[in-house]
Amino acid sequence: MRQSQNWTFALASTLLLCLVQPVLAQQDQEAADSKPVVGSEEEVSADYAAPHQFGGPSSVAGQLKSDHSAQVTPYWFGGLTAKAQPYYDFKKGVADRHAFAFGADYNALVQGANESLGEDDAASGVIRVYGTWTPLGRGTLNAGSLTFKVENRHRLGTDIAPQQLGSEMGYVGLTAITFSSAGTILTNLYWQQSFRDNRLAFIAGIVDVTDFISVYGLVNPWADFHNLTFSTDPTIPAPNQGLGAAVRGTIGENFYLLAGLADANGDPGDPLDSFDSFFTTHEYFKFVEFGWVSSYENRFSDNVHLTVWQADERTVAGVPDGWGASFSFSRKINDRWLPFVRAGYAEDGGALLERSLSAGIGYFTKGHSDVLGVGLNWGRPPSEPDGPRLNDQYTVEVFYNMQLFQHTNITPNIQWIIDPALNPEEDSLWVFGLRARVSF
């Protein structure tokens, strides 16, 4: 049965992408005399030698671009920027001469809960080294590049990391997504290739599905919301980083089609095992996404999309197969306000929630150096087949990402959890957090 589902899903994805091809061919001639639909030479130069990013703001190319364009702020310690400038000039020189753009950062998060069934505080640090090398088509819209990212995730003096705090509280969800104690992991090592002036692109290798599935303008867990309900989607059981591939095609100026698959048993701590799992176990996570954007430049902020996914049964992990769909709407207003609405449905497959509805808004200060975000979520956890139905739970989150100086941000955060599904004795829980990020 699983083999039949795999072939059906793969065939549907292939047919959808084939439908894009006639449109792409028609656009090739038009592109010769007009600005490319999905990019420009000016943007290629501005991307700090990174190729046109396949993923969203949290992808390697997105992070490099954000770090390179960070503005000098009037806040404290502004003089440190000048002292560090020779290093950043060196980085830019390497990118200009060798098409190798790289960066690193250290991220730390401390969270505390007012009540918990177990541990009530958690802290974790993450150091990341990431970059892209573009040996093919540098400075063009048909570039080929290699992307990498290595991380070390570790606890900071507490018994648990923030990723575990939600379960300690009896909350079905994650109060922090990326801050764990996973140790040293390889989260990206893939090839990206663009064709037809970046109207068609693919990636293949060790991928992080959350970099490109169901993306919107406030999806970055290193800079925006902490809670999973306002990030990728709690009804999408995105696997851990592992072997996978994805293809993206654009239709006209405003529509895109994205499809891919990844190892459902991805293990970034043992990437070679992911290769073996991909080719021998044949348990995959697959998805197709169709969306509208107002323009290529605003493809994350002005974005409406529908994502459909299917996950195979994971025999060893004891997770049943399943499928689901999610919808996302976001549209920036006056270059300052970013309201969003996101909804998801899941039928098994290991998703944290089987129903979810989120709404919120982001506010960007002048120059986009600081971001204020507010989100509200209703979620319905899955129940065991023979067990009682778990109560619906509600989540509210407020964060303020402040740029202290050019390469340092701090983000205070408050989460209010109402009716945690696995802690019926409590009807209201609070989580207070402080995140810091320094990029190099």
Protein backbone atom coordinates (compact mmCIF):
# COMPACT_ATOMS: atom_id res chain seq x y z
CA MET A 1 0.00 0.00 0.00
CA ARG A 2 2.83 2.36 0.90
CA GLN A 3 4.59 1.69 -2.42
CA SER A 4 1.39 2.59 -4.27
CA GLN A 5 1.08 5.84 -2.32
CA ASN A 6 4.68 6.73 -3.10
CA TRP A 7 4.21 6.25 -6.84
CA THR A 8 0.89 8.09 -6.85
CA PHE A 9 2.35 11.08 -5.03
CA ALA A 10 5.48 11.12 -7.20
CA LEU A 11 3.41 10.91 -10.39
CA ALA A 12 1.11 13.73 -9.28
CA SER A 13 4.10 15.94 -8.45
CA THR A 14 5.73 15.19 -11.81
CA LEU A 15 2.56 15.99 -13.74
CA LEU A 16 2.11 19.27 -11.91
CA LEU A 17 5.67 20.32 -12.64
CA CYS A 18 5.29 19.29 -16.28
CA LEU A 19 2.37 21.70 -16.54
CA VAL A 20 4.77 24.49 -15.62
CA GLN A 21 7.12 23.75 -18.52
CA PRO A 22 5.03 25.21 -21.40
CA VAL A 23 4.59 28.42 -19.47
CA LEU A 24 8.32 28.58 -18.75
CA ALA A 25 9.15 28.07 -22.41
CA GLN A 26 6.82 30.89 -23.42
CA GLN A 27 8.42 33.18 -20.84
CA ASP A 28 11.99 32.58 -22.07
CA GLN A 29 11.56 34.79 -25.13
CA GLU A 30 9.72 37.45 -23.12
CA ALA A 31 12.55 37.52 -20.58
CA ALA A 32 15.06 38.58 -23.19
CA ASP A 33 13.49 42.02 -23.41
CA SER A 34 12.19 42.49 -19.88
CA LYS A 35 13.26 42.24 -16.29
CA PRO A 36 13.32 38.62 -15.12
CA VAL A 37 10.20 37.62 -13.26
CA VAL A 38 11.93 36.06 -10.27
CA GLY A 39 15.11 38.04 -9.88
CA SER A 40 17.49 40.60 -11.26
CA GLU A 41 21.20 41.04 -11.81
CA GLU A 42 21.14 43.78 -9.19
CA GLU A 43 19.79 41.33 -6.65
CA VAL A 44 22.39 38.73 -7.57
CA SER A 45 25.11 41.25 -6.73
CA ALA A 46 23.38 42.27 -3.51
CA ASP A 47 23.03 38.69 -2.28
CA TYR A 48 26.61 38.62 -0.94
CA ALA A 49 27.65 35.97 -3.47
CA ALA A 50 24.83 33.69 -2.30
CA PRO A 51 22.63 32.19 -5.01
CA HIS A 52 18.97 33.02 -5.26
CA GLN A 53 17.68 31.42 -2.11
CA PHE A 54 15.51 28.36 -2.54
CA GLY A 55 14.24 28.49 1.02
CA GLY A 56 12.83 31.16 3.29
CA PRO A 57 14.37 33.62 5.74
CA SER A 58 15.83 30.86 7.94
CA SER A 59 17.69 29.15 5.07
CA VAL A 60 21.44 29.59 4.72
CA ALA A 61 21.15 31.98 1.77
CA GLY A 62 18.42 33.92 3.56
CA GLN A 63 20.51 34.20 6.72
CA LEU A 64 23.61 35.32 4.81
CA LYS A 65 21.63 38.00 3.03
CA SER A 66 20.04 39.21 6.27
CA ASP A 67 23.37 39.33 8.11
CA HIS A 68 25.10 41.16 5.28
CA SER A 69 22.36 43.79 5.05
CA ALA A 70 22.12 44.39 8.82
CA GLN A 71 22.15 48.11 9.53
CA VAL A 72 24.19 50.04 12.05
CA THR A 73 21.85 51.03 14.86
CA PRO A 74 21.91 53.99 17.24
CA TYR A 75 21.79 51.71 20.28
CA TRP A 76 24.58 50.91 22.73
CA PHE A 77 27.95 49.42 21.76
CA GLY A 78 27.79 50.90 18.28
CA GLY A 79 31.56 51.43 18.38
CA LEU A 80 32.15 47.68 18.35
CA THR A 81 30.90 47.55 14.78
CA ALA A 82 33.81 49.68 13.57
CA LYS A 83 36.33 47.47 15.39
CA ALA A 84 34.94 44.35 13.75
CA GLN A 85 34.70 45.89 10.29
CA PRO A 86 38.05 44.46 9.00
CA TYR A 87 36.69 40.96 9.57
CA TYR A 88 33.50 41.68 7.64
CA ASP A 89 35.55 43.27 4.85
CA PHE A 90 37.59 40.06 4.73
CA LYS A 91 34.44 37.99 4.42
CA LYS A 92 33.17 40.15 1.60
CA GLY A 93 36.53 39.92 -0.16
CA VAL A 94 36.44 36.12 -0.02
CA ALA A 95 32.92 36.17 -1.45
CA ASP A 96 33.87 38.58 -4.23
CA ARG A 97 37.03 36.71 -5.24
CA HIS A 98 36.05 33.08 -4.71
CA ALA A 99 32.23 33.01 -4.76
CA PHE A 100 32.36 31.58 -1.24
CA ALA A 101 30.05 33.30 1.23
CA PHE A 102 30.15 32.14 4.82
CA GLY A 103 28.94 33.11 8.23
CA ALA A 104 28.62 31.92 11.80
CA ASP A 105 26.50 32.80 14.79
CA TYR A 106 25.91 31.94 18.40
CA ASN A 107 22.34 31.78 19.68
CA ALA A 108 21.18 31.35 23.27
CA LEU A 109 17.71 30.99 24.76
CA VAL A 110 16.57 30.92 28.38
CA GLN A 111 12.96 30.01 29.20
CA GLY A 112 11.08 29.70 32.47
CA ALA A 113 7.53 28.53 33.22
CA ASN A 114 5.42 29.66 36.16
CA GLU A 115 4.09 26.09 36.69
CA SER A 116 5.13 22.69 35.41
CA LEU A 117 4.60 18.96 35.97
CA GLY A 118 8.38 18.56 35.93
CA GLU A 119 11.19 20.96 35.09
CA ASP A 120 10.19 24.62 34.91
CA ASP A 121 13.32 26.22 33.44
CA ALA A 122 15.45 25.48 30.41
CA ALA A 123 18.39 27.02 28.59
CA SER A 124 20.27 26.12 25.46
CA GLY A 125 22.94 27.48 23.14
CA VAL A 126 23.52 26.85 19.44
CA ILE A 127 26.62 27.67 17.46
CA ARG A 128 26.25 27.48 13.69
CA VAL A 129 28.70 27.68 10.80
CA TYR A 130 27.13 28.01 7.36
CA GLY A 131 27.87 29.11 3.84
CA THR A 132 27.48 28.72 0.09
CA TRP A 133 29.99 28.15 -2.70
CA THR A 134 28.85 29.07 -6.21
CA PRO A 135 31.24 27.58 -8.78
CA LEU A 136 28.71 27.59 -11.65
CA GLY A 137 27.03 30.62 -13.19
CA ARG A 138 28.21 33.08 -10.57
CA GLY A 139 26.53 36.47 -10.99
CA THR A 140 23.79 35.02 -13.20
CA LEU A 141 20.27 33.79 -12.63
CA ASN A 142 21.27 30.22 -13.54
CA ALA A 143 23.75 29.59 -10.76
CA GLY A 144 24.78 26.25 -9.30
CA SER A 145 25.89 26.23 -5.68
CA LEU A 146 26.78 24.04 -2.73
CA THR A 147 25.21 24.95 0.61
CA PHE A 148 26.36 23.72 4.01
CA LYS A 149 25.50 24.25 7.66
CA VAL A 150 26.94 22.57 10.76
CA GLU A 151 25.55 23.19 14.24
CA ASN A 152 26.24 22.31 17.85
CA ARG A 153 23.18 22.46 20.09
CA HIS A 154 23.77 22.15 23.83
CA ARG A 155 22.17 22.81 27.20
CA LEU A 156 23.32 25.80 29.25
CA GLY A 157 23.36 24.78 32.91
CA THR A 158 19.83 23.34 33.07
CA ASP A 159 18.58 19.73 33.13
CA ILE A 160 16.59 20.17 29.92
CA ALA A 161 16.76 22.26 26.77
CA PRO A 162 13.90 24.64 25.82
CA GLN A 163 12.70 22.22 23.12
CA GLN A 164 11.64 19.86 25.96
CA LEU A 165 9.96 22.44 28.19
CA GLY A 166 6.53 22.13 26.58
CA SER A 167 6.24 18.42 27.33
CA GLU A 168 7.40 19.02 30.92
CA MET A 169 4.50 21.45 31.31
CA GLY A 170 1.89 19.12 29.81
CA TYR A 171 1.65 21.19 26.65
CA VAL A 172 1.25 19.46 23.29
CA GLY A 173 3.68 21.54 21.30
CA LEU A 174 7.08 23.18 21.34
CA THR A 175 7.74 26.43 23.20
CA ALA A 176 11.06 26.53 21.31
CA ILE A 177 11.88 24.75 18.07
CA THR A 178 15.61 24.74 17.42
CA PHE A 179 17.06 25.04 20.93
CA SER A 180 17.79 21.44 21.90
CA SER A 181 20.70 19.35 23.22
CA ALA A 182 21.26 17.40 20.00
CA GLY A 183 25.02 17.94 20.00
CA THR A 184 26.93 18.35 16.75
CA ILE A 185 24.70 17.91 13.70
CA LEU A 186 24.88 18.42 9.94
CA THR A 187 21.70 20.23 8.98
CA ASN A 188 22.51 21.28 5.38
CA LEU A 189 24.73 19.86 2.66
CA TYR A 190 23.00 20.14 -0.69
CA TRP A 191 23.42 21.26 -4.28
CA GLN A 192 21.13 23.95 -5.67
CA GLN A 193 20.76 24.55 -9.38
CA SER A 194 18.69 27.21 -11.16
CA PHE A 195 17.51 27.15 -14.77
CA ARG A 196 15.60 29.46 -17.10
CA ASP A 197 16.62 32.63 -15.27
CA ASN A 198 15.74 31.04 -11.92
CA ARG A 199 12.18 30.21 -13.01
CA LEU A 200 13.00 26.57 -12.35
CA ALA A 201 15.28 25.35 -9.56
CA PHE A 202 16.01 22.22 -7.58
CA ILE A 203 17.95 21.21 -4.50
CA ALA A 204 19.20 17.74 -3.53
CA GLY A 205 21.25 16.48 -0.58
CA ILE A 206 20.96 16.87 3.20
CA VAL A 207 18.07 19.31 3.52
CA ASP A 208 15.95 20.90 6.23
CA VAL A 209 12.37 20.71 4.96
CA THR A 210 11.31 23.57 7.24
CA ASP A 211 13.59 25.92 5.26
CA PHE A 212 11.18 25.91 2.32
CA ILE A 213 7.81 24.33 3.15
CA SER A 214 4.92 26.62 4.17
CA VAL A 215 7.17 29.67 4.48
CA TYR A 216 5.98 33.19 5.33
CA GLY A 217 7.55 36.41 6.57
CA LEU A 218 7.76 35.55 10.30
CA VAL A 219 8.81 31.90 10.04
CA ASN A 220 12.44 32.24 11.18
CA PRO A 221 12.85 30.54 14.62
CA TRP A 222 16.19 32.31 15.14
CA ALA A 223 14.66 35.78 14.80
CA ASP A 224 10.86 35.64 15.02
CA PHE A 225 8.37 33.53 16.99
CA HIS A 226 9.66 30.84 19.35
CA ASN A 227 6.58 28.59 19.35
CA LEU A 228 6.03 25.98 16.63
CA THR A 229 2.40 27.05 16.19
CA PHE A 230 3.56 30.30 14.56
CA SER A 231 6.49 28.86 12.66
CA THR A 232 6.31 26.05 10.07
CA ASP A 233 3.00 24.48 11.20
CA PRO A 234 2.19 22.08 14.07
CA THR A 235 0.02 19.98 11.72
CA ILE A 236 2.95 19.29 9.36
CA PRO A 237 5.19 16.45 10.67
CA ALA A 238 8.32 17.78 8.98
CA PRO A 239 11.13 15.26 9.51
CA ASN A 240 14.51 16.00 11.00
CA GLN A 241 17.22 17.05 8.59
CA GLY A 242 18.20 14.26 6.21
CA LEU A 243 18.49 13.26 2.59
CA GLY A 244 15.89 14.85 0.35
CA ALA A 245 15.16 16.85 -2.77
CA ALA A 246 12.74 19.55 -3.92
CA VAL A 247 11.84 21.32 -7.15
CA ARG A 248 10.37 24.81 -7.53
CA GLY A 249 8.86 26.34 -10.65
CA THR A 250 7.24 29.72 -11.22
CA ILE A 251 4.16 30.27 -13.36
CA GLY A 252 3.90 33.77 -14.80
CA GLU A 253 4.85 36.61 -12.50
CA ASN A 254 2.85 35.67 -9.43
CA PHE A 255 2.42 31.92 -9.00
CA TYR A 256 4.75 29.13 -7.97
CA LEU A 257 4.70 25.37 -7.56
CA LEU A 258 6.91 23.53 -5.09
CA ALA A 259 7.22 19.76 -4.62
CA GLY A 260 9.63 17.50 -2.81
CA LEU A 261 10.34 14.49 -0.64
CA ALA A 262 12.68 13.73 2.25
CA ASP A 263 13.71 10.83 4.42
CA ALA A 264 11.04 10.54 7.13
CA ASN A 265 13.70 9.15 9.51
CA GLY A 266 16.26 11.89 9.00
CA ASP A 267 19.05 12.00 11.58
CA PRO A 268 21.36 15.04 11.35
CA GLY A 269 23.57 13.50 14.03
CA ASP A 270 24.37 10.60 11.69
CA PRO A 271 23.94 11.86 8.10
CA LEU A 272 25.39 8.68 6.58
CA ASP A 273 22.61 6.72 8.23
CA SER A 274 20.13 9.02 6.49
CA PHE A 275 21.55 7.95 3.13
CA ASP A 276 21.10 4.31 4.08
CA SER A 277 17.59 4.96 5.39
CA PHE A 278 16.56 6.87 2.27
CA PHE A 279 17.57 4.12 -0.13
CA THR A 280 16.71 1.01 1.93
CA THR A 281 13.86 1.84 4.33
CA HIS A 282 11.82 3.84 1.77
CA GLU A 283 9.86 5.80 4.37
CA TYR A 284 9.35 9.29 3.00
CA PHE A 285 7.73 12.61 3.76
CA LYS A 286 6.33 14.18 0.55
CA PHE A 287 4.65 17.48 -0.20
CA VAL A 288 3.28 19.72 -2.93
CA GLU A 289 2.71 23.46 -2.45
CA PHE A 290 0.96 25.89 -4.79
CA GLY A 291 1.09 29.58 -4.03
CA TRP A 292 0.68 33.20 -5.08
CA VAL A 293 3.13 36.04 -4.39
CA SER A 294 2.79 39.72 -5.20
CA SER A 295 6.36 39.82 -6.56
CA TYR A 296 9.60 37.89 -6.30
CA GLU A 297 11.12 40.50 -3.97
CA ASN A 298 8.12 40.21 -1.59
CA ARG A 299 7.61 36.45 -1.95
CA PHE A 300 7.74 35.79 1.80
CA SER A 301 5.72 38.74 3.10
CA ASP A 302 3.05 38.80 0.37
CA ASN A 303 2.31 35.11 0.11
CA VAL A 304 -0.80 32.93 -0.12
CA HIS A 305 -0.30 29.17 -0.44
CA LEU A 306 -1.83 25.73 0.01
CA THR A 307 0.41 22.85 1.06
CA VAL A 308 -0.55 19.16 0.86
CA TRP A 309 1.67 16.50 2.44
CA GLN A 310 1.79 12.75 2.89
CA ALA A 311 3.99 10.74 5.26
CA ASP A 312 4.72 7.03 5.07
CA GLU A 313 4.43 4.75 8.06
CA ARG A 314 7.60 4.76 10.15
CA THR A 315 7.84 1.14 11.23
CA VAL A 316 10.67 1.30 13.77
CA ALA A 317 9.44 4.57 15.29
CA GLY A 318 5.88 3.21 15.52
CA VAL A 319 4.37 6.21 13.70
CA PRO A 320 1.43 5.53 11.35
CA ASP A 321 1.22 6.92 7.86
CA GLY A 322 -0.86 10.02 7.33
CA TRP A 323 -1.61 13.07 5.27
CA GLY A 324 -2.70 16.65 5.73
CA ALA A 325 -3.08 20.11 4.28
CA SER A 326 -2.28 23.62 5.43
CA PHE A 327 -3.16 27.11 4.23
CA SER A 328 -1.26 30.35 4.78
CA PHE A 329 -2.03 33.99 4.05
CA SER A 330 0.19 36.99 4.73
CA ARG A 331 0.33 40.45 3.18
CA LYS A 332 2.51 43.39 4.14
CA ILE A 333 0.79 46.76 4.60
CA ASN A 334 2.61 50.09 4.25
CA ASP A 335 5.94 48.26 4.53
CA ARG A 336 5.42 48.09 8.31
CA TRP A 337 2.55 45.74 9.16
CA LEU A 338 2.45 42.02 8.35
CA PRO A 339 -0.86 40.34 9.29
CA PHE A 340 -1.11 36.59 8.80
CA VAL A 341 -3.61 33.73 9.02
CA ARG A 342 -2.53 30.08 8.94
CA ALA A 343 -4.61 26.90 9.24
CA GLY A 344 -3.75 23.22 9.14
CA TYR A 345 -5.35 19.76 9.16
CA ALA A 346 -3.61 16.44 9.78
CA GLU A 347 -4.76 12.85 9.66
CA ASP A 348 -2.16 10.84 11.60
CA GLY A 349 1.42 10.84 10.28
CA GLY A 350 2.91 11.91 13.61
CA ALA A 351 1.78 15.54 13.54
CA LEU A 352 1.77 17.31 16.93
CA LEU A 353 -1.72 18.74 16.29
CA GLU A 354 -4.52 17.44 14.08
CA ARG A 355 -6.20 20.84 13.75
CA SER A 356 -4.65 24.30 14.04
CA LEU A 357 -5.68 27.88 13.37
CA SER A 358 -3.28 30.78 13.90
CA ALA A 359 -3.58 34.52 13.35
CA GLY A 360 -1.36 37.41 14.22
CA ILE A 361 0.58 40.42 13.08
CA GLY A 362 4.12 41.65 12.85
CA TYR A 363 5.26 45.27 13.05
CA PHE A 364 8.59 46.35 11.53
CA THR A 365 10.22 49.53 12.77
CA LYS A 366 11.77 52.03 10.39
CA GLY A 367 14.67 50.38 8.61
CA HIS A 368 13.32 46.95 9.64
CA SER A 369 15.96 46.66 12.37
CA ASP A 370 13.40 45.72 15.06
CA VAL A 371 10.32 43.49 14.84
CA LEU A 372 7.32 43.16 17.16
CA GLY A 373 5.18 40.06 16.71
CA VAL A 374 1.87 38.92 18.25
CA GLY A 375 0.24 35.56 17.52
CA LEU A 376 -2.84 33.63 18.69
CA ASN A 377 -3.44 29.91 18.07
CA TRP A 378 -6.16 27.35 18.62
CA GLY A 379 -5.02 23.74 18.42
CA ARG A 380 -6.59 20.30 18.72
CA PRO A 381 -4.14 17.56 19.76
CA PRO A 382 -4.52 14.04 18.40
CA SER A 383 -5.93 11.41 20.75
CA GLU A 384 -5.08 7.75 21.16
CA PRO A 385 -7.56 5.47 19.31
CA ASP A 386 -8.86 3.92 22.55
CA GLY A 387 -8.22 6.88 24.82
CA PRO A 388 -10.25 9.97 25.75
CA ARG A 389 -10.15 12.98 23.48
CA LEU A 390 -7.68 15.57 24.66
CA ASN A 391 -8.90 19.09 25.29
CA ASP A 392 -8.29 21.85 22.79
CA GLN A 393 -5.52 24.21 23.83
CA TYR A 394 -4.79 27.85 23.06
CA THR A 395 -1.48 29.66 22.69
CA VAL A 396 -0.64 33.37 22.68
CA GLU A 397 2.85 34.65 21.98
CA VAL A 398 4.40 38.12 21.97
CA PHE A 399 8.01 38.83 21.02
CA TYR A 400 10.16 41.87 20.32
CA ASN A 401 13.35 41.32 18.33
CA MET A 402 15.63 44.29 19.01
CA GLN A 403 18.89 44.90 17.15
CA LEU A 404 21.33 46.10 19.79
CA PHE A 405 24.04 46.79 17.24
CA GLN A 406 24.80 45.67 13.74
CA HIS A 407 25.33 41.98 14.40
CA THR A 408 23.68 41.43 17.79
CA ASN A 409 19.98 40.94 18.55
CA ILE A 410 18.05 40.16 21.71
CA THR A 411 14.44 38.99 21.80
CA PRO A 412 12.33 39.00 24.97
CA ASN A 413 9.32 36.72 24.62
CA ILE A 414 6.15 35.83 26.51
CA GLN A 415 3.93 32.80 25.83
CA TRP A 416 0.52 32.25 27.42
CA ILE A 417 -0.78 28.70 27.20
CA ILE A 418 -4.44 28.15 28.00
CA ASP A 419 -5.80 24.67 28.85
CA PRO A 420 -2.63 22.63 28.23
CA ALA A 421 -3.95 19.32 26.93
CA LEU A 422 -1.78 17.01 29.07
CA ASN A 423 -2.04 19.06 32.26
CA PRO A 424 -5.78 19.31 33.08
CA GLU A 425 -5.04 20.62 36.58
CA GLU A 426 -3.83 23.91 35.09
CA ASP A 427 -5.95 26.19 32.95
CA SER A 428 -3.27 28.82 32.36
CA LEU A 429 0.51 28.64 32.06
CA TRP A 430 3.09 31.32 31.31
CA VAL A 431 6.48 30.93 29.67
CA PHE A 432 8.97 33.79 29.78
CA GLY A 433 11.97 33.73 27.48
CA LEU A 434 14.99 35.72 26.38
CA ARG A 435 16.86 34.92 23.18
CA ALA A 436 20.16 36.41 22.02
CA ARG A 437 21.98 36.09 18.72
CA VAL A 438 25.44 37.27 17.69
CA SER A 439 26.54 36.76 14.08
CA PHE A 440 30.11 36.71 12.79
